[in-house]
Amino acid sequence: MPGTEATLVLKAYPVWDRTTRAFHWINVLCVAGLIGLGLGLLNAKALGVSAEGKILLKMLHAYFGYVFVLNLASRLLWGFLGNRYARWNSILPLGRAYWRALRDYLAGLRSGRAPHYLGHNPLGRLMVTLLFVLLALQAASGLVLAGTDLYLPPFGHEFAEWVTGAGEEHSRLADLKPGVKEGVDAAAYAEMRSFREPFIAIHLAFFYALLAAIVVHVFAVVLAEVKERSGLVSAMFAGDKVFSEAPVDAVDPQPDTEEPVATLKSSPCENRSDPAGH
């Protein structure tokens, strides 16, 4: 009857392993640092940053970038080694089963009874895949630019040889410094800077695309947290989500613990779920 209250028993289901959670928060810190330093570089002139200061900002950006790349590479590998929900077959939007699940999920959203997912829901898988693609493109283009601008690994040695015309005379590279034209062949340097241009354009374009994707991702996570009340955010700290009934993608329909972790009161006619995001 309308107005009657029912008690829902919430149970915890393990989902994100420690490696996945560590990647997520290291990635958040790295991306935040890279965005801040990147905005500083983009507005260096308006901020009155000197040439030496700009080189320093680029060096800091590159060091953050190395941590970011190593962390991302470990997560790409973990997609083959991690638990069920960390693996690529639970993330990438591929196969007939995925598209069937997406249709069912969208139908559930329209009816106000979207199915619960322990891992990423079908819409969340699209967003996470987009984020991985953008992160990988930023990592690849950033490594090239670390070489062209700062002569840093993994490509810096080759760019240094290019702009100096040193070939195998590595002693000529000893005094080469970022932003300094001494010891540099002007024509070769101009060629290298021309080679650099499309990588700058790619890095900048995907920087703005990544910013937009992050905003959408955070909005979707907050919306899902409010509507699902499944501990979506806390799961990235503790590893567990909570549900009143078994998620459709649970490995075992029963959680690891039979003890309820919480109870809450809800009207029987309250929507089961209408999340968007994870």
C-alpha atoms as a PDB file:
ATOM      1  CA  MET A   1       0.000   0.000   0.000  1.00  0.00           C
ATOM      2  CA  PRO A   2       1.188   3.529  -0.675  1.00  0.00           C
ATOM      3  CA  GLY A   3       2.965   5.065   2.295  1.00  0.00           C
ATOM      4  CA  THR A   4       4.011   1.677   3.773  1.00  0.00           C
ATOM      5  CA  GLU A   5       7.683   1.403   4.551  1.00  0.00           C
ATOM      6  CA  ALA A   6       9.850  -1.661   3.990  1.00  0.00           C
ATOM      7  CA  THR A   7      13.250  -2.316   5.475  1.00  0.00           C
ATOM      8  CA  LEU A   8      16.002  -2.991   2.939  1.00  0.00           C
ATOM      9  CA  VAL A   9      18.983  -5.017   4.125  1.00  0.00           C
ATOM     10  CA  LEU A  10      22.213  -3.910   2.430  1.00  0.00           C
ATOM     11  CA  LYS A  11      24.983  -6.453   1.898  1.00  0.00           C
ATOM     12  CA  ALA A  12      28.581  -5.847   0.827  1.00  0.00           C
ATOM     13  CA  TYR A  13      29.965  -7.328  -2.400  1.00  0.00           C
ATOM     14  CA  PRO A  14      33.719  -7.126  -3.172  1.00  0.00           C
ATOM     15  CA  VAL A  15      34.495  -5.533  -6.547  1.00  0.00           C
ATOM     16  CA  TRP A  16      37.688  -3.441  -6.909  1.00  0.00           C
ATOM     17  CA  ASP A  17      40.983  -5.097  -5.968  1.00  0.00           C
ATOM     18  CA  ARG A  18      43.827  -3.157  -4.353  1.00  0.00           C
ATOM     19  CA  THR A  19      45.792  -2.710  -7.590  1.00  0.00           C
ATOM     20  CA  THR A  20      42.784  -1.188  -9.357  1.00  0.00           C
ATOM     21  CA  ARG A  21      42.098   1.145  -6.452  1.00  0.00           C
ATOM     22  CA  ALA A  22      45.748   2.212  -6.235  1.00  0.00           C
ATOM     23  CA  PHE A  23      45.825   2.937  -9.977  1.00  0.00           C
ATOM     24  CA  HIS A  24      42.676   5.042  -9.726  1.00  0.00           C
ATOM     25  CA  TRP A  25      43.912   7.377  -6.992  1.00  0.00           C
ATOM     26  CA  ILE A  26      47.476   7.653  -8.319  1.00  0.00           C
ATOM     27  CA  ASN A  27      45.935   8.508 -11.696  1.00  0.00           C
ATOM     28  CA  VAL A  28      43.685  11.156 -10.093  1.00  0.00           C
ATOM     29  CA  LEU A  29      46.705  12.812  -8.439  1.00  0.00           C
ATOM     30  CA  CYS A  30      48.827  12.639 -11.597  1.00  0.00           C
ATOM     31  CA  VAL A  31      46.099  13.990 -13.873  1.00  0.00           C
ATOM     32  CA  ALA A  32      45.322  16.811 -11.429  1.00  0.00           C
ATOM     33  CA  GLY A  33      49.024  17.745 -11.308  1.00  0.00           C
ATOM     34  CA  LEU A  34      49.404  17.516 -15.082  1.00  0.00           C
ATOM     35  CA  ILE A  35      46.307  19.654 -15.669  1.00  0.00           C
ATOM     36  CA  GLY A  36      47.535  22.312 -13.239  1.00  0.00           C
ATOM     37  CA  LEU A  37      51.022  22.430 -14.759  1.00  0.00           C
ATOM     38  CA  GLY A  38      49.585  22.279 -18.278  1.00  0.00           C
ATOM     39  CA  LEU A  39      47.352  25.274 -17.618  1.00  0.00           C
ATOM     40  CA  GLY A  40      50.380  27.103 -16.226  1.00  0.00           C
ATOM     41  CA  LEU A  41      52.323  26.392 -19.418  1.00  0.00           C
ATOM     42  CA  LEU A  42      49.426  27.443 -21.651  1.00  0.00           C
ATOM     43  CA  ASN A  43      49.132  30.743 -19.771  1.00  0.00           C
ATOM     44  CA  ALA A  44      52.846  31.255 -19.090  1.00  0.00           C
ATOM     45  CA  LYS A  45      52.997  34.540 -20.989  1.00  0.00           C
ATOM     46  CA  ALA A  46      49.939  35.996 -19.267  1.00  0.00           C
ATOM     47  CA  LEU A  47      51.318  34.877 -15.896  1.00  0.00           C
ATOM     48  CA  GLY A  48      54.671  36.506 -16.608  1.00  0.00           C
ATOM     49  CA  VAL A  49      56.637  33.258 -16.403  1.00  0.00           C
ATOM     50  CA  SER A  50      60.232  33.645 -17.574  1.00  0.00           C
ATOM     51  CA  ALA A  51      61.885  31.374 -20.145  1.00  0.00           C
ATOM     52  CA  GLU A  52      63.738  29.576 -17.337  1.00  0.00           C
ATOM     53  CA  GLY A  53      60.501  29.276 -15.369  1.00  0.00           C
ATOM     54  CA  LYS A  54      58.758  27.768 -18.379  1.00  0.00           C
ATOM     55  CA  ILE A  55      61.509  25.142 -18.713  1.00  0.00           C
ATOM     56  CA  LEU A  56      61.066  24.333 -15.010  1.00  0.00           C
ATOM     57  CA  LEU A  57      57.297  23.943 -15.477  1.00  0.00           C
ATOM     58  CA  LYS A  58      57.945  21.642 -18.436  1.00  0.00           C
ATOM     59  CA  MET A  59      60.369  19.544 -16.364  1.00  0.00           C
ATOM     60  CA  LEU A  60      57.834  19.188 -13.546  1.00  0.00           C
ATOM     61  CA  HIS A  61      55.146  18.350 -16.094  1.00  0.00           C
ATOM     62  CA  ALA A  62      57.407  15.660 -17.570  1.00  0.00           C
ATOM     63  CA  TYR A  63      58.190  14.114 -14.156  1.00  0.00           C
ATOM     64  CA  PHE A  64      54.490  13.956 -13.298  1.00  0.00           C
ATOM     65  CA  GLY A  65      54.015  12.484 -16.771  1.00  0.00           C
ATOM     66  CA  TYR A  66      56.475   9.660 -16.146  1.00  0.00           C
ATOM     67  CA  VAL A  67      54.591   8.596 -12.999  1.00  0.00           C
ATOM     68  CA  PHE A  68      51.339   8.888 -14.957  1.00  0.00           C
ATOM     69  CA  VAL A  69      52.659   6.740 -17.831  1.00  0.00           C
ATOM     70  CA  LEU A  70      54.044   4.023 -15.556  1.00  0.00           C
ATOM     71  CA  ASN A  71      50.790   3.923 -13.596  1.00  0.00           C
ATOM     72  CA  LEU A  72      48.731   3.752 -16.797  1.00  0.00           C
ATOM     73  CA  ALA A  73      50.952   1.000 -18.229  1.00  0.00           C
ATOM     74  CA  SER A  74      50.508  -1.046 -15.049  1.00  0.00           C
ATOM     75  CA  ARG A  75      46.719  -0.677 -15.349  1.00  0.00           C
ATOM     76  CA  LEU A  76      46.730  -1.714 -19.010  1.00  0.00           C
ATOM     77  CA  LEU A  77      48.612  -4.854 -17.988  1.00  0.00           C
ATOM     78  CA  TRP A  78      46.331  -5.405 -14.983  1.00  0.00           C
ATOM     79  CA  GLY A  79      43.430  -5.581 -17.428  1.00  0.00           C
ATOM     80  CA  PHE A  80      44.726  -9.063 -18.287  1.00  0.00           C
ATOM     81  CA  LEU A  81      45.733 -10.127 -14.756  1.00  0.00           C
ATOM     82  CA  GLY A  82      43.273  -8.506 -12.349  1.00  0.00           C
ATOM     83  CA  ASN A  83      40.010  -9.782 -10.933  1.00  0.00           C
ATOM     84  CA  ARG A  84      36.913 -10.207 -13.069  1.00  0.00           C
ATOM     85  CA  TYR A  85      35.801  -6.571 -12.818  1.00  0.00           C
ATOM     86  CA  ALA A  86      39.265  -5.155 -13.590  1.00  0.00           C
ATOM     87  CA  ARG A  87      39.699  -7.191 -16.790  1.00  0.00           C
ATOM     88  CA  TRP A  88      39.207  -5.822 -20.279  1.00  0.00           C
ATOM     89  CA  ASN A  89      36.318  -8.151 -21.075  1.00  0.00           C
ATOM     90  CA  SER A  90      34.392  -6.420 -18.263  1.00  0.00           C
ATOM     91  CA  ILE A  91      35.364  -2.949 -19.465  1.00  0.00           C
ATOM     92  CA  LEU A  92      35.582  -2.733 -23.248  1.00  0.00           C
ATOM     93  CA  PRO A  93      32.184  -2.277 -24.966  1.00  0.00           C
ATOM     94  CA  LEU A  94      32.601  -5.234 -27.319  1.00  0.00           C
ATOM     95  CA  GLY A  95      30.531  -8.247 -28.302  1.00  0.00           C
ATOM     96  CA  ARG A  96      26.828  -9.006 -28.687  1.00  0.00           C
ATOM     97  CA  ALA A  97      26.404  -9.589 -24.962  1.00  0.00           C
ATOM     98  CA  TYR A  98      27.557  -6.044 -24.240  1.00  0.00           C
ATOM     99  CA  TRP A  99      25.174  -4.420 -26.722  1.00  0.00           C
ATOM    100  CA  ARG A 100      22.306  -6.545 -25.417  1.00  0.00           C
ATOM    101  CA  ALA A 101      23.172  -5.469 -21.871  1.00  0.00           C
ATOM    102  CA  LEU A 102      23.305  -1.817 -23.006  1.00  0.00           C
ATOM    103  CA  ARG A 103      19.823  -2.077 -24.585  1.00  0.00           C
ATOM    104  CA  ASP A 104      18.451  -3.669 -21.410  1.00  0.00           C
ATOM    105  CA  TYR A 105      20.120  -1.049 -19.239  1.00  0.00           C
ATOM    106  CA  LEU A 106      18.772   1.859 -21.292  1.00  0.00           C
ATOM    107  CA  ALA A 107      15.309   0.299 -21.219  1.00  0.00           C
ATOM    108  CA  GLY A 108      15.660  -0.018 -17.443  1.00  0.00           C
ATOM    109  CA  LEU A 109      16.654   3.647 -17.144  1.00  0.00           C
ATOM    110  CA  ARG A 110      13.578   4.663 -19.125  1.00  0.00           C
ATOM    111  CA  SER A 111      11.308   2.563 -16.905  1.00  0.00           C
ATOM    112  CA  GLY A 112      13.042   3.643 -13.701  1.00  0.00           C
ATOM    113  CA  ARG A 113      14.197   0.090 -12.929  1.00  0.00           C
ATOM    114  CA  ALA A 114      17.730  -0.124 -14.300  1.00  0.00           C
ATOM    115  CA  PRO A 115      19.565  -3.291 -13.212  1.00  0.00           C
ATOM    116  CA  HIS A 116      22.288  -3.015 -10.579  1.00  0.00           C
ATOM    117  CA  TYR A 117      25.887  -3.696 -11.648  1.00  0.00           C
ATOM    118  CA  LEU A 118      28.735  -4.579  -9.340  1.00  0.00           C
ATOM    119  CA  GLY A 119      31.376  -3.551 -11.899  1.00  0.00           C
ATOM    120  CA  HIS A 120      30.912  -0.850 -14.511  1.00  0.00           C
ATOM    121  CA  ASN A 121      27.395  -0.652 -15.904  1.00  0.00           C
ATOM    122  CA  PRO A 122      27.071  -0.602 -19.735  1.00  0.00           C
ATOM    123  CA  LEU A 123      27.122   3.210 -19.934  1.00  0.00           C
ATOM    124  CA  GLY A 124      30.020   3.343 -17.506  1.00  0.00           C
ATOM    125  CA  ARG A 125      31.982   0.959 -19.736  1.00  0.00           C
ATOM    126  CA  LEU A 126      31.669   3.419 -22.628  1.00  0.00           C
ATOM    127  CA  MET A 127      32.954   6.272 -20.468  1.00  0.00           C
ATOM    128  CA  VAL A 128      35.828   4.267 -18.950  1.00  0.00           C
ATOM    129  CA  THR A 129      36.907   3.105 -22.422  1.00  0.00           C
ATOM    130  CA  LEU A 130      36.881   6.708 -23.670  1.00  0.00           C
ATOM    131  CA  LEU A 131      38.953   7.789 -20.669  1.00  0.00           C
ATOM    132  CA  PHE A 132      41.541   5.060 -21.271  1.00  0.00           C
ATOM    133  CA  VAL A 133      41.831   6.033 -24.956  1.00  0.00           C
ATOM    134  CA  LEU A 134      42.300   9.725 -24.087  1.00  0.00           C
ATOM    135  CA  LEU A 135      44.808   8.921 -21.333  1.00  0.00           C
ATOM    136  CA  ALA A 136      46.812   6.675 -23.669  1.00  0.00           C
ATOM    137  CA  LEU A 137      46.879   9.326 -26.413  1.00  0.00           C
ATOM    138  CA  GLN A 138      48.029  11.956 -23.915  1.00  0.00           C
ATOM    139  CA  ALA A 139      50.732   9.603 -22.631  1.00  0.00           C
ATOM    140  CA  ALA A 140      52.055   8.808 -26.119  1.00  0.00           C
ATOM    141  CA  SER A 141      52.071  12.396 -27.384  1.00  0.00           C
ATOM    142  CA  GLY A 142      53.505  13.634 -24.072  1.00  0.00           C
ATOM    143  CA  LEU A 143      56.487  11.246 -24.302  1.00  0.00           C
ATOM    144  CA  VAL A 144      57.273  12.593 -27.768  1.00  0.00           C
ATOM    145  CA  LEU A 145      57.084  16.194 -26.526  1.00  0.00           C
ATOM    146  CA  ALA A 146      59.315  15.400 -23.546  1.00  0.00           C
ATOM    147  CA  GLY A 147      61.894  14.430 -26.170  1.00  0.00           C
ATOM    148  CA  THR A 148      61.437  17.411 -28.491  1.00  0.00           C
ATOM    149  CA  ASP A 149      61.288  20.057 -25.742  1.00  0.00           C
ATOM    150  CA  LEU A 150      63.544  18.659 -23.008  1.00  0.00           C
ATOM    151  CA  TYR A 151      65.554  15.883 -24.710  1.00  0.00           C
ATOM    152  CA  LEU A 152      64.220  13.441 -22.101  1.00  0.00           C
ATOM    153  CA  PRO A 153      63.700   9.664 -22.555  1.00  0.00           C
ATOM    154  CA  PRO A 154      62.508   7.639 -24.286  1.00  0.00           C
ATOM    155  CA  PHE A 155      63.009   9.685 -27.483  1.00  0.00           C
ATOM    156  CA  GLY A 156      65.140  12.593 -26.276  1.00  0.00           C
ATOM    157  CA  HIS A 157      68.483  11.130 -27.343  1.00  0.00           C
ATOM    158  CA  GLU A 158      67.270  10.739 -30.928  1.00  0.00           C
ATOM    159  CA  PHE A 159      65.933  14.304 -31.030  1.00  0.00           C
ATOM    160  CA  ALA A 160      69.193  15.614 -29.549  1.00  0.00           C
ATOM    161  CA  GLU A 161      71.168  13.858 -32.288  1.00  0.00           C
ATOM    162  CA  TRP A 162      68.779  15.290 -34.874  1.00  0.00           C
ATOM    163  CA  VAL A 163      69.074  18.952 -33.824  1.00  0.00           C
ATOM    164  CA  THR A 164      72.859  18.827 -33.345  1.00  0.00           C
ATOM    165  CA  GLY A 165      73.690  16.596 -36.304  1.00  0.00           C
ATOM    166  CA  ALA A 166      75.930  14.731 -33.865  1.00  0.00           C
ATOM    167  CA  GLY A 167      75.234  11.252 -35.196  1.00  0.00           C
ATOM    168  CA  GLU A 168      77.416   8.888 -33.168  1.00  0.00           C
ATOM    169  CA  GLU A 169      79.562  11.732 -31.786  1.00  0.00           C
ATOM    170  CA  HIS A 170      77.781  11.643 -28.426  1.00  0.00           C
ATOM    171  CA  SER A 171      80.281  14.019 -26.834  1.00  0.00           C
ATOM    172  CA  ARG A 172      78.585  16.824 -28.778  1.00  0.00           C
ATOM    173  CA  LEU A 173      75.380  16.204 -26.800  1.00  0.00           C
ATOM    174  CA  ALA A 174      76.952  16.826 -23.392  1.00  0.00           C
ATOM    175  CA  ASP A 175      76.367  20.581 -23.387  1.00  0.00           C
ATOM    176  CA  LEU A 176      72.944  20.519 -25.041  1.00  0.00           C
ATOM    177  CA  LYS A 177      70.310  22.116 -22.787  1.00  0.00           C
ATOM    178  CA  PRO A 178      66.559  22.604 -23.240  1.00  0.00           C
ATOM    179  CA  GLY A 179      65.684  26.054 -24.569  1.00  0.00           C
ATOM    180  CA  VAL A 180      69.295  26.889 -25.434  1.00  0.00           C
ATOM    181  CA  LYS A 181      70.273  27.170 -29.104  1.00  0.00           C
ATOM    182  CA  GLU A 182      74.052  26.850 -28.610  1.00  0.00           C
ATOM    183  CA  GLY A 183      75.441  23.784 -30.361  1.00  0.00           C
ATOM    184  CA  VAL A 184      72.234  23.367 -32.354  1.00  0.00           C
ATOM    185  CA  ASP A 185      72.069  23.258 -36.139  1.00  0.00           C
ATOM    186  CA  ALA A 186      69.467  25.888 -37.099  1.00  0.00           C
ATOM    187  CA  ALA A 187      68.073  24.000 -40.112  1.00  0.00           C
ATOM    188  CA  ALA A 188      67.876  20.688 -38.244  1.00  0.00           C
ATOM    189  CA  TYR A 189      66.229  22.403 -35.269  1.00  0.00           C
ATOM    190  CA  ALA A 190      63.620  23.970 -37.551  1.00  0.00           C
ATOM    191  CA  GLU A 191      62.905  20.544 -39.084  1.00  0.00           C
ATOM    192  CA  MET A 192      62.482  19.007 -35.621  1.00  0.00           C
ATOM    193  CA  ARG A 193      60.101  21.787 -34.548  1.00  0.00           C
ATOM    194  CA  SER A 194      58.073  21.207 -37.694  1.00  0.00           C
ATOM    195  CA  PHE A 195      57.900  17.486 -36.822  1.00  0.00           C
ATOM    196  CA  ARG A 196      56.760  18.488 -33.314  1.00  0.00           C
ATOM    197  CA  GLU A 197      53.773  20.578 -34.443  1.00  0.00           C
ATOM    198  CA  PRO A 198      51.181  17.793 -34.980  1.00  0.00           C
ATOM    199  CA  PHE A 199      52.080  16.252 -31.604  1.00  0.00           C
ATOM    200  CA  ILE A 200      51.479  19.595 -29.893  1.00  0.00           C
ATOM    201  CA  ALA A 201      48.117  19.875 -31.681  1.00  0.00           C
ATOM    202  CA  ILE A 202      47.149  16.312 -30.653  1.00  0.00           C
ATOM    203  CA  HIS A 203      48.277  16.839 -27.058  1.00  0.00           C
ATOM    204  CA  LEU A 204      46.325  20.088 -26.758  1.00  0.00           C
ATOM    205  CA  ALA A 205      43.159  18.787 -28.455  1.00  0.00           C
ATOM    206  CA  PHE A 206      42.995  15.680 -26.296  1.00  0.00           C
ATOM    207  CA  PHE A 207      43.823  17.756 -23.210  1.00  0.00           C
ATOM    208  CA  TYR A 208      40.535  19.626 -23.668  1.00  0.00           C
ATOM    209  CA  ALA A 209      38.708  16.407 -24.606  1.00  0.00           C
ATOM    210  CA  LEU A 210      40.022  14.772 -21.427  1.00  0.00           C
ATOM    211  CA  LEU A 211      38.897  17.749 -19.326  1.00  0.00           C
ATOM    212  CA  ALA A 212      35.373  17.432 -20.769  1.00  0.00           C
ATOM    213  CA  ALA A 213      35.319  13.647 -20.241  1.00  0.00           C
ATOM    214  CA  ILE A 214      36.446  14.053 -16.612  1.00  0.00           C
ATOM    215  CA  VAL A 215      33.625  16.528 -15.935  1.00  0.00           C
ATOM    216  CA  VAL A 216      31.056  14.116 -17.424  1.00  0.00           C
ATOM    217  CA  HIS A 217      32.575  11.176 -15.520  1.00  0.00           C
ATOM    218  CA  VAL A 218      32.498  12.971 -12.155  1.00  0.00           C
ATOM    219  CA  PHE A 219      28.927  14.167 -12.760  1.00  0.00           C
ATOM    220  CA  ALA A 220      27.803  10.626 -13.659  1.00  0.00           C
ATOM    221  CA  VAL A 221      29.518   9.152 -10.584  1.00  0.00           C
ATOM    222  CA  VAL A 222      27.875  11.698  -8.254  1.00  0.00           C
ATOM    223  CA  LEU A 223      24.481  11.108  -9.891  1.00  0.00           C
ATOM    224  CA  ALA A 224      24.835   7.332  -9.583  1.00  0.00           C
ATOM    225  CA  GLU A 225      26.015   7.617  -5.962  1.00  0.00           C
ATOM    226  CA  VAL A 226      22.980   9.703  -5.039  1.00  0.00           C
ATOM    227  CA  LYS A 227      20.466   7.534  -6.876  1.00  0.00           C
ATOM    228  CA  GLU A 228      21.916   4.036  -6.337  1.00  0.00           C
ATOM    229  CA  ARG A 229      23.265   4.485  -2.813  1.00  0.00           C
ATOM    230  CA  SER A 230      25.571   1.525  -3.485  1.00  0.00           C
ATOM    231  CA  GLY A 231      28.782   3.044  -2.120  1.00  0.00           C
ATOM    232  CA  LEU A 232      30.160   3.777  -5.574  1.00  0.00           C
ATOM    233  CA  VAL A 233      32.743   6.293  -4.362  1.00  0.00           C
ATOM    234  CA  SER A 234      33.662   4.455  -1.157  1.00  0.00           C
ATOM    235  CA  ALA A 235      34.221   1.274  -3.223  1.00  0.00           C
ATOM    236  CA  MET A 236      37.298   2.963  -4.720  1.00  0.00           C
ATOM    237  CA  PHE A 237      38.677   3.209  -1.178  1.00  0.00           C
ATOM    238  CA  ALA A 238      37.438   0.027   0.510  1.00  0.00           C
ATOM    239  CA  GLY A 239      36.806  -2.217  -2.509  1.00  0.00           C
ATOM    240  CA  ASP A 240      33.175  -3.136  -1.754  1.00  0.00           C
ATOM    241  CA  LYS A 241      29.795  -1.971  -3.001  1.00  0.00           C
ATOM    242  CA  VAL A 242      26.566  -2.507  -1.085  1.00  0.00           C
ATOM    243  CA  PHE A 243      23.242  -3.666  -2.500  1.00  0.00           C
ATOM    244  CA  SER A 244      19.880  -4.806  -1.187  1.00  0.00           C
ATOM    245  CA  GLU A 245      19.740  -7.487  -3.901  1.00  0.00           C
ATOM    246  CA  ALA A 246      22.368  -9.321  -5.920  1.00  0.00           C
ATOM    247  CA  PRO A 247      23.824  -7.322  -8.870  1.00  0.00           C
ATOM    248  CA  VAL A 248      23.315  -8.870 -12.293  1.00  0.00           C
ATOM    249  CA  ASP A 249      27.078  -9.266 -12.877  1.00  0.00           C
ATOM    250  CA  ALA A 250      27.939 -10.776  -9.495  1.00  0.00           C
ATOM    251  CA  VAL A 251      30.143 -13.884  -9.801  1.00  0.00           C
ATOM    252  CA  ASP A 252      28.234 -15.460  -6.923  1.00  0.00           C
ATOM    253  CA  PRO A 253      24.661 -14.322  -6.242  1.00  0.00           C
ATOM    254  CA  GLN A 254      25.554 -14.374  -2.517  1.00  0.00           C
ATOM    255  CA  PRO A 255      28.022 -11.842  -1.094  1.00  0.00           C
ATOM    256  CA  ASP A 256      31.101 -12.903   0.843  1.00  0.00           C
ATOM    257  CA  THR A 257      29.361 -12.070   4.092  1.00  0.00           C
ATOM    258  CA  GLU A 258      25.884 -13.181   5.069  1.00  0.00           C
ATOM    259  CA  GLU A 259      25.696 -10.435   7.705  1.00  0.00           C
ATOM    260  CA  PRO A 260      23.875  -7.228   6.729  1.00  0.00           C
ATOM    261  CA  VAL A 261      26.138  -4.178   6.670  1.00  0.00           C
ATOM    262  CA  ALA A 262      23.263  -1.704   6.998  1.00  0.00           C
ATOM    263  CA  THR A 263      19.521  -1.299   6.833  1.00  0.00           C
ATOM    264  CA  LEU A 264      17.457   1.515   5.440  1.00  0.00           C
ATOM    265  CA  LYS A 265      13.777   2.225   5.072  1.00  0.00           C
ATOM    266  CA  SER A 266      12.190   2.699   1.701  1.00  0.00           C
ATOM    267  CA  SER A 267       8.771   2.813   0.164  1.00  0.00           C
ATOM    268  CA  PRO A 268       7.922  -0.274  -1.938  1.00  0.00           C
ATOM    269  CA  CYS A 269       7.058   1.980  -4.870  1.00  0.00           C
ATOM    270  CA  GLU A 270      10.446   3.699  -4.795  1.00  0.00           C
ATOM    271  CA  ASN A 271      12.476   3.254  -7.987  1.00  0.00           C
ATOM    272  CA  ARG A 272      14.874   0.325  -7.923  1.00  0.00           C
ATOM    273  CA  SER A 273      17.626   2.282  -9.631  1.00  0.00           C
ATOM    274  CA  ASP A 274      18.156   4.909 -12.294  1.00  0.00           C
ATOM    275  CA  PRO A 275      21.896   5.494 -12.368  1.00  0.00           C
ATOM    276  CA  ALA A 276      24.222   6.692 -15.074  1.00  0.00           C
ATOM    277  CA  GLY A 277      27.928   6.169 -14.712  1.00  0.00           C
ATOM    278  CA  HIS A 278      29.615   3.132 -13.095  1.00  0.00           C
END
